[in-house]
């Protein structure tokens, strides 16, 4: 059969960087296989080449490899298990394709999400399939397959022995993808918790706008990043469930399992989009808070201006009287200080009251600055 290649945009360009464990653990490889004898075999090693003979004699096997450096160690591990240079170059060069079908070999790149606060970190999870073997390669930061390693023997025993190899490969693939999706979905709950904490700040009208803005942006950015990873997973699953790849089963019942995974991702996308709408309404709330703060400031300024008007009037009237009586025509004498002082005091009080009464009557006196 003429080799064909299917490509699709799946993830953002992957930057393969060394992933070092905080505990300084050595890189490790894991293999669980179902040989023709029917007894499940599980082996752990530091080198995937140790599994080559077991994989060759097995009807189905799963190899999981934790790499410090995906570009170097990951490539060597996959080549040691018999995969071609061509598919290795396609999957390990950081391109945006997340699906490569070479007939005899199938390669996928799925996003593995980790959430740290409001930061969404997306790491690549590489899945390679050829006859009787499924290989997963990822950095040390991706720990979601640890649980699957633990129950791998039990899972392998449940695989029927007499079904075609493509059916067995599909069963293993579905279990791996389901585990990855489940962990991705868990992180959406973490984002929801962060959103709930942010809602408490939005409810407080006194919360400073300068602190709300960056938080809402980070939350929005986290959701956008998370949504993009879900769309990537959905694209890959939609391609798989058609059963066109030679290494994937044609059994409708098994393909229906892939469809179930696709439906799960669709529901997560809907939930994420709903959260995005809630955040958009949060931005409107933020703008309302900002407008209210401006209105309060304007009210306070109006109150200050009103009292300044009253004070100015109180000073203006006696000052005018003093200017008038200082004219030589009135011939003011020291003996006039008594009635003159009384006049200034009475005029000040009268003008202040008159200005206050008129301002209040006209409705220009704010009742409350807030």
Protein backbone atom coordinates (compact mmCIF):
# COMPACT_ATOMS: atom_id res chain seq x y z
CA UNK A 1 0.00 0.00 0.00
CA UNK A 2 1.27 3.42 -0.89
CA UNK A 3 2.20 5.28 2.26
CA UNK A 4 0.02 8.25 3.00
CA UNK A 5 0.41 10.97 5.55
CA UNK A 6 -2.35 12.86 7.33
CA UNK A 7 -1.49 16.06 9.10
CA UNK A 8 -3.56 18.47 11.09
CA UNK A 9 -2.93 21.48 13.27
CA UNK A 10 -3.03 20.24 16.84
CA UNK A 11 -0.91 22.20 19.25
CA UNK A 12 1.08 25.36 19.41
CA UNK A 13 4.73 24.95 18.40
CA UNK A 14 6.25 22.71 21.01
CA UNK A 15 9.45 23.85 22.64
CA UNK A 16 11.22 20.70 23.78
CA UNK A 17 13.12 21.67 26.90
CA UNK A 18 14.75 19.42 29.47
CA UNK A 19 12.26 18.53 32.19
CA UNK A 20 14.11 17.88 35.42
CA UNK A 21 12.37 16.42 38.43
CA UNK A 22 12.62 18.37 41.66
CA UNK A 23 13.67 15.19 43.40
CA UNK A 24 16.49 14.55 40.99
CA UNK A 25 15.07 11.20 39.89
CA UNK A 26 16.74 9.34 37.08
CA UNK A 27 14.85 8.95 33.82
CA UNK A 28 12.90 5.71 33.72
CA UNK A 29 11.11 3.54 31.21
CA UNK A 30 8.14 1.30 31.86
CA UNK A 31 6.79 -1.57 29.81
CA UNK A 32 3.79 -3.82 30.27
CA UNK A 33 3.21 -6.49 27.65
CA UNK A 34 0.93 -9.39 26.85
CA UNK A 35 3.05 -12.14 25.25
CA UNK A 36 1.56 -14.98 23.30
CA UNK A 37 1.67 -17.15 26.44
CA UNK A 38 -1.03 -14.99 27.99
CA UNK A 39 0.89 -13.98 31.13
CA UNK A 40 1.23 -10.22 31.56
CA UNK A 41 4.82 -9.04 31.96
CA UNK A 42 5.82 -5.74 33.54
CA UNK A 43 9.36 -4.36 33.40
CA UNK A 44 10.95 -1.11 34.52
CA UNK A 45 14.31 0.04 33.23
CA UNK A 46 16.40 3.08 32.40
CA UNK A 47 16.68 2.24 28.71
CA UNK A 48 13.86 1.45 26.29
CA UNK A 49 16.15 -0.83 24.30
CA UNK A 50 15.77 -3.35 27.14
CA UNK A 51 12.17 -3.83 26.05
CA UNK A 52 12.85 -4.54 22.38
CA UNK A 53 12.77 -8.36 22.63
CA UNK A 54 9.68 -8.39 24.86
CA UNK A 55 7.80 -6.02 22.55
CA UNK A 56 8.69 -8.13 19.51
CA UNK A 57 7.26 -11.29 21.12
CA UNK A 58 4.09 -9.69 22.52
CA UNK A 59 0.63 -9.44 21.02
CA UNK A 60 0.23 -6.00 22.59
CA UNK A 61 2.48 -3.85 24.76
CA UNK A 62 2.60 -0.37 26.22
CA UNK A 63 5.85 1.48 26.80
CA UNK A 64 5.90 4.71 28.81
CA UNK A 65 9.05 6.82 28.88
CA UNK A 66 9.85 9.82 31.06
CA UNK A 67 12.49 11.95 29.40
CA UNK A 68 14.69 14.66 30.83
CA UNK A 69 15.24 16.01 27.34
CA UNK A 70 12.50 15.23 24.83
CA UNK A 71 14.53 16.25 21.81
CA UNK A 72 17.42 13.92 22.69
CA UNK A 73 16.36 11.19 25.10
CA UNK A 74 12.85 10.93 23.68
CA UNK A 75 14.09 10.45 20.13
CA UNK A 76 16.58 7.79 21.18
CA UNK A 77 13.93 5.88 23.13
CA UNK A 78 11.48 5.79 20.23
CA UNK A 79 14.15 4.74 17.74
CA UNK A 80 15.26 1.97 20.09
CA UNK A 81 11.74 0.53 19.95
CA UNK A 82 11.84 0.20 16.18
CA UNK A 83 10.05 3.33 14.96
CA UNK A 84 11.28 4.96 11.78
CA UNK A 85 13.36 8.10 11.52
CA UNK A 86 10.61 9.68 9.45
CA UNK A 87 7.90 9.67 12.10
CA UNK A 88 10.43 10.60 14.78
CA UNK A 89 11.48 13.66 12.78
CA UNK A 90 7.85 14.63 12.23
CA UNK A 91 6.91 14.46 15.90
CA UNK A 92 10.07 15.73 17.56
CA UNK A 93 10.79 18.86 15.54
CA UNK A 94 8.40 21.16 17.39
CA UNK A 95 5.96 21.56 14.50
CA UNK A 96 2.29 22.34 15.05
CA UNK A 97 1.07 19.03 13.60
CA UNK A 98 -0.38 16.75 16.24
CA UNK A 99 -1.37 13.85 13.99
CA UNK A 100 0.88 11.89 11.63
CA UNK A 101 -0.27 8.76 9.80
CA UNK A 102 2.36 6.78 7.88
CA UNK A 103 0.21 3.67 7.46
CA UNK A 104 2.55 1.32 9.34
CA UNK A 105 3.08 3.91 12.06
CA UNK A 106 0.82 6.45 13.71
CA UNK A 107 1.94 9.42 15.78
CA UNK A 108 -0.11 11.79 17.94
CA UNK A 109 0.73 14.87 19.98
CA UNK A 110 -1.76 15.62 22.74
CA UNK A 111 -1.63 18.55 25.17
CA UNK A 112 -1.02 17.77 28.84
CA UNK A 113 -2.26 20.67 30.96
CA UNK A 114 -0.90 21.77 34.32
CA UNK A 115 -2.27 24.77 36.22
CA UNK A 116 -0.11 26.77 38.61
CA UNK A 117 -2.26 29.51 40.10
CA UNK A 118 -3.56 31.37 37.06
CA UNK A 119 -0.77 30.10 34.81
CA UNK A 120 -1.69 27.30 32.40
CA UNK A 121 1.36 25.25 31.37
CA UNK A 122 0.89 22.99 28.34
CA UNK A 123 3.34 20.13 27.80
CA UNK A 124 3.40 17.66 24.89
CA UNK A 125 2.34 14.05 25.34
CA UNK A 126 3.56 12.01 22.37
CA UNK A 127 1.82 8.76 21.47
CA UNK A 128 3.32 6.49 18.81
CA UNK A 129 1.66 3.33 17.53
CA UNK A 130 2.83 0.53 15.32
CA UNK A 131 1.90 -3.11 15.15
CA UNK A 132 1.44 -4.56 18.67
CA UNK A 133 2.99 -1.63 20.55
CA UNK A 134 1.85 1.73 21.89
CA UNK A 135 4.53 4.13 23.15
CA UNK A 136 4.04 7.29 25.20
CA UNK A 137 6.84 9.82 25.61
CA UNK A 138 6.69 12.91 27.80
CA UNK A 139 8.75 15.12 30.08
CA UNK A 140 9.14 14.68 33.81
CA UNK A 141 6.61 17.43 34.44
CA UNK A 142 3.85 15.17 33.03
CA UNK A 143 2.92 12.73 35.80
CA UNK A 144 -0.61 11.83 34.78
CA UNK A 145 0.26 8.32 33.59
CA UNK A 146 1.66 7.21 36.96
CA UNK A 147 -1.74 5.88 38.00
CA UNK A 148 -2.12 4.02 34.71
CA UNK A 149 1.30 2.42 35.24
CA UNK A 150 0.09 1.09 38.56
CA UNK A 151 -2.97 -0.61 37.08
CA UNK A 152 -1.41 -1.53 33.73
CA UNK A 153 -1.20 -5.26 34.50
CA UNK A 154 -4.88 -5.44 35.41
CA UNK A 155 -5.82 -3.48 32.32
CA UNK A 156 -3.76 -5.74 30.03
CA UNK A 157 -5.37 -8.89 31.45
CA UNK A 158 -8.78 -7.56 30.46
CA UNK A 159 -7.83 -7.22 26.79
CA UNK A 160 -9.28 -10.15 24.82
CA UNK A 161 -6.53 -12.35 23.41
CA UNK A 162 -8.12 -13.27 20.11
CA UNK A 163 -9.14 -9.87 18.77
CA UNK A 164 -7.12 -8.21 15.96
CA UNK A 165 -3.99 -6.29 16.92
CA UNK A 166 -5.54 -3.02 15.76
CA UNK A 167 -8.37 -3.56 18.26
CA UNK A 168 -5.87 -4.11 21.06
CA UNK A 169 -3.91 -1.03 20.08
CA UNK A 170 -7.09 1.03 20.02
CA UNK A 171 -8.10 -0.19 23.49
CA UNK A 172 -4.72 0.86 24.90
CA UNK A 173 -4.86 4.19 23.07
CA UNK A 174 -8.37 4.95 24.34
CA UNK A 175 -7.29 4.26 27.92
CA UNK A 176 -4.26 6.57 27.60
CA UNK A 177 -6.25 9.38 25.99
CA UNK A 178 -9.00 9.03 28.59
CA UNK A 179 -6.43 9.31 31.39
CA UNK A 180 -4.91 12.39 29.80
CA UNK A 181 -8.29 14.04 29.23
CA UNK A 182 -9.37 13.29 32.79
CA UNK A 183 -6.34 15.05 34.23
CA UNK A 184 -6.84 17.98 31.88
CA UNK A 185 -10.44 18.27 33.06
CA UNK A 186 -9.30 18.25 36.69
CA UNK A 187 -7.34 21.42 36.06
CA UNK A 188 -10.46 23.19 34.82
CA UNK A 189 -11.82 22.82 38.34
CA UNK A 190 -8.73 24.60 39.62
CA UNK A 191 -9.42 27.46 37.22
CA UNK A 192 -13.04 27.53 38.45
CA UNK A 193 -11.83 27.84 42.05
CA UNK A 194 -9.64 30.76 41.05
CA UNK A 195 -12.64 32.31 39.31
CA UNK A 196 -14.75 31.92 42.46
CA UNK A 197 -12.10 33.73 44.50
CA UNK A 198 -12.04 36.48 41.90
CA UNK A 199 -15.83 36.83 42.11
CA UNK A 200 -15.54 37.74 45.79
CA UNK A 201 -13.33 40.67 44.86
CA UNK A 202 -15.72 41.73 42.10
CA UNK A 203 -18.59 41.87 44.60
CA UNK A 204 -16.75 44.46 46.68
CA UNK A 205 -17.22 47.93 45.11
CA UNK A 206 -14.26 49.22 47.09
CA UNK A 207 -11.81 46.78 45.49
CA UNK A 208 -9.12 48.79 43.67
CA UNK A 209 -9.50 48.63 39.92
CA UNK A 210 -5.75 48.33 39.42
CA UNK A 211 -5.77 44.95 41.20
CA UNK A 212 -8.89 43.58 39.50
CA UNK A 213 -7.77 44.31 35.95
CA UNK A 214 -4.63 42.11 35.95
CA UNK A 215 -6.44 39.27 37.72
CA UNK A 216 -9.29 39.23 35.22
CA UNK A 217 -6.79 39.31 32.35
CA UNK A 218 -4.85 36.35 33.79
CA UNK A 219 -8.06 34.40 34.29
CA UNK A 220 -9.19 35.16 30.74
CA UNK A 221 -5.79 34.19 29.34
CA UNK A 222 -5.81 30.94 31.32
CA UNK A 223 -9.22 30.03 29.91
CA UNK A 224 -8.18 30.87 26.36
CA UNK A 225 -5.07 28.69 26.71
CA UNK A 226 -7.11 25.88 28.22
CA UNK A 227 -9.74 26.14 25.49
CA UNK A 228 -7.09 25.93 22.78
CA UNK A 229 -5.80 22.67 24.28
CA UNK A 230 -9.33 21.25 24.32
CA UNK A 231 -9.82 22.13 20.65
CA UNK A 232 -6.52 20.40 19.89
CA UNK A 233 -7.64 17.24 21.68
CA UNK A 234 -11.02 17.38 19.94
CA UNK A 235 -9.44 17.64 16.49
CA UNK A 236 -7.29 14.58 17.15
CA UNK A 237 -10.19 12.56 18.54
CA UNK A 238 -12.47 13.48 15.65
CA UNK A 239 -9.83 12.20 13.25
CA UNK A 240 -9.31 8.99 15.22
CA UNK A 241 -12.97 8.09 15.51
CA UNK A 242 -13.30 7.90 11.73
CA UNK A 243 -11.07 4.81 11.83
CA UNK A 244 -9.16 5.77 8.68
CA UNK A 245 -5.69 5.08 10.08
CA UNK A 246 -4.30 1.60 9.41
CA UNK A 247 -3.21 1.25 13.04
CA UNK A 248 -6.69 2.04 14.38
CA UNK A 249 -9.56 -0.44 14.55
CA UNK A 250 -12.50 -0.50 12.17
CA UNK A 251 -14.77 -1.99 14.84
CA UNK A 252 -17.75 0.40 15.29
CA UNK A 253 -18.06 -0.45 18.99
CA UNK A 254 -14.45 0.47 19.71
CA UNK A 255 -14.68 3.59 17.57
CA UNK A 256 -17.75 4.54 19.60
CA UNK A 257 -15.48 4.70 22.65
CA UNK A 258 -13.40 7.30 20.86
CA UNK A 259 -16.64 9.14 20.14
CA UNK A 260 -17.45 9.14 23.86
CA UNK A 261 -14.07 10.75 24.56
CA UNK A 262 -14.86 13.34 21.91
CA UNK A 263 -18.21 14.09 23.55
CA UNK A 264 -16.50 14.55 26.91
CA UNK A 265 -14.14 17.11 25.40
CA UNK A 266 -17.09 18.90 23.79
CA UNK A 267 -18.77 19.24 27.18
CA UNK A 268 -15.59 20.64 28.67
CA UNK A 269 -15.38 23.15 25.82
CA UNK A 270 -18.95 24.27 26.52
CA UNK A 271 -18.17 24.65 30.21
CA UNK A 272 -15.02 26.64 29.47
CA UNK A 273 -16.89 28.92 27.07
CA UNK A 274 -19.53 29.49 29.75
CA UNK A 275 -16.80 30.49 32.19
CA UNK A 276 -15.44 32.84 29.55
CA UNK A 277 -18.87 34.48 29.28
CA UNK A 278 -18.98 34.85 33.05
CA UNK A 279 -15.60 36.56 32.93
CA UNK A 280 -16.85 38.87 30.20
CA UNK A 281 -19.70 39.90 32.49
CA UNK A 282 -17.07 40.39 35.17
CA UNK A 283 -15.36 42.91 32.95
CA UNK A 284 -18.66 44.78 32.67
CA UNK A 285 -18.94 44.73 36.45
CA UNK A 286 -15.43 46.11 36.67
CA UNK A 287 -16.35 48.96 34.34
CA UNK A 288 -19.45 49.68 36.43
CA UNK A 289 -17.34 49.78 39.57
CA UNK A 290 -14.96 52.18 37.90
CA UNK A 291 -17.85 54.41 36.78
CA UNK A 292 -19.31 54.37 40.29
CA UNK A 293 -15.98 55.39 41.73
CA UNK A 294 -15.83 58.30 39.30
CA UNK A 295 -19.38 59.30 40.23
CA UNK A 296 -18.51 59.28 43.93
CA UNK A 297 -15.48 61.45 43.22
CA UNK A 298 -17.61 63.89 41.21
CA UNK A 299 -20.16 64.07 44.03
CA UNK A 300 -17.47 64.87 46.53
CA UNK A 301 -16.04 67.56 44.29
CA UNK A 302 -19.53 69.06 43.88
CA UNK A 303 -20.00 69.12 47.67
CA UNK A 304 -16.65 70.86 48.13
CA UNK A 305 -17.50 73.42 45.44
CA UNK A 306 -20.87 74.13 47.12
CA UNK A 307 -19.32 74.85 50.47
CA UNK A 308 -16.63 76.95 48.82
CA UNK A 309 -19.44 78.97 47.20
CA UNK A 310 -21.10 79.55 50.57
CA UNK A 311 -17.77 80.48 52.12
CA UNK A 312 -16.95 82.84 49.26
CA UNK A 313 -20.28 84.59 49.64
CA UNK A 314 -19.76 84.92 53.38
CA UNK A 315 -16.44 86.66 52.78
CA UNK A 316 -17.56 88.73 49.79
CA UNK A 317 -20.42 90.67 51.48
CA UNK A 318 -18.51 92.01 54.53
CA UNK A 319 -15.51 92.69 52.32
CA UNK A 320 -17.72 94.79 50.04
CA UNK A 321 -19.15 96.69 53.02
CA UNK A 322 -15.69 97.33 54.37
CA UNK A 323 -14.63 98.71 50.99
CA UNK A 324 -17.65 101.02 50.83
CA UNK A 325 -17.31 102.43 54.35
CA UNK A 326 -13.59 103.03 53.86
CA UNK A 327 -14.49 105.80 51.43
CA UNK A 328 -13.68 109.26 52.93
CA UNK A 329 -17.22 110.34 52.16
CA UNK A 330 -18.45 108.37 55.16
CA UNK A 331 -15.89 109.99 57.48
CA UNK A 332 -15.59 106.90 59.74
CA UNK A 333 -14.17 107.66 63.20
CA UNK A 334 -12.73 105.38 65.94
CA UNK A 335 -15.93 105.86 67.88
CA UNK A 336 -17.81 104.03 65.09
CA UNK A 337 -15.99 100.73 65.73
CA UNK A 338 -18.83 99.29 67.80
CA UNK A 339 -21.71 99.49 65.34
CA UNK A 340 -19.29 98.87 62.45
CA UNK A 341 -18.13 95.56 63.94
CA UNK A 342 -21.71 94.50 64.61
CA UNK A 343 -22.58 95.30 61.01
CA UNK A 344 -19.74 93.17 59.64
CA UNK A 345 -20.60 90.19 61.85
CA UNK A 346 -24.33 90.35 61.11
CA UNK A 347 -23.73 90.75 57.37
CA UNK A 348 -21.33 87.79 57.35
CA UNK A 349 -23.81 85.51 59.12
CA UNK A 350 -26.75 86.71 57.07
CA UNK A 351 -24.97 86.32 53.74
CA UNK A 352 -23.69 82.84 54.70
CA UNK A 353 -27.18 81.67 55.66
CA UNK A 354 -28.72 83.22 52.57
CA UNK A 355 -26.16 81.53 50.28
CA UNK A 356 -26.66 78.15 52.00
CA UNK A 357 -30.47 78.44 51.90
CA UNK A 358 -30.56 79.42 48.24
CA UNK A 359 -28.11 76.65 47.22
CA UNK A 360 -30.11 74.02 49.08
CA UNK A 361 -33.41 75.30 47.68
CA UNK A 362 -32.07 75.03 44.15
CA UNK A 363 -31.07 71.37 44.80
CA UNK A 364 -27.38 72.05 44.27
CA UNK A 365 -26.42 70.81 47.73
CA UNK A 366 -25.57 67.04 47.55
CA UNK A 367 -27.20 65.06 50.35
CA UNK A 368 -24.48 62.40 50.35
CA UNK A 369 -21.11 62.48 48.62
CA UNK A 370 -21.24 58.67 48.12
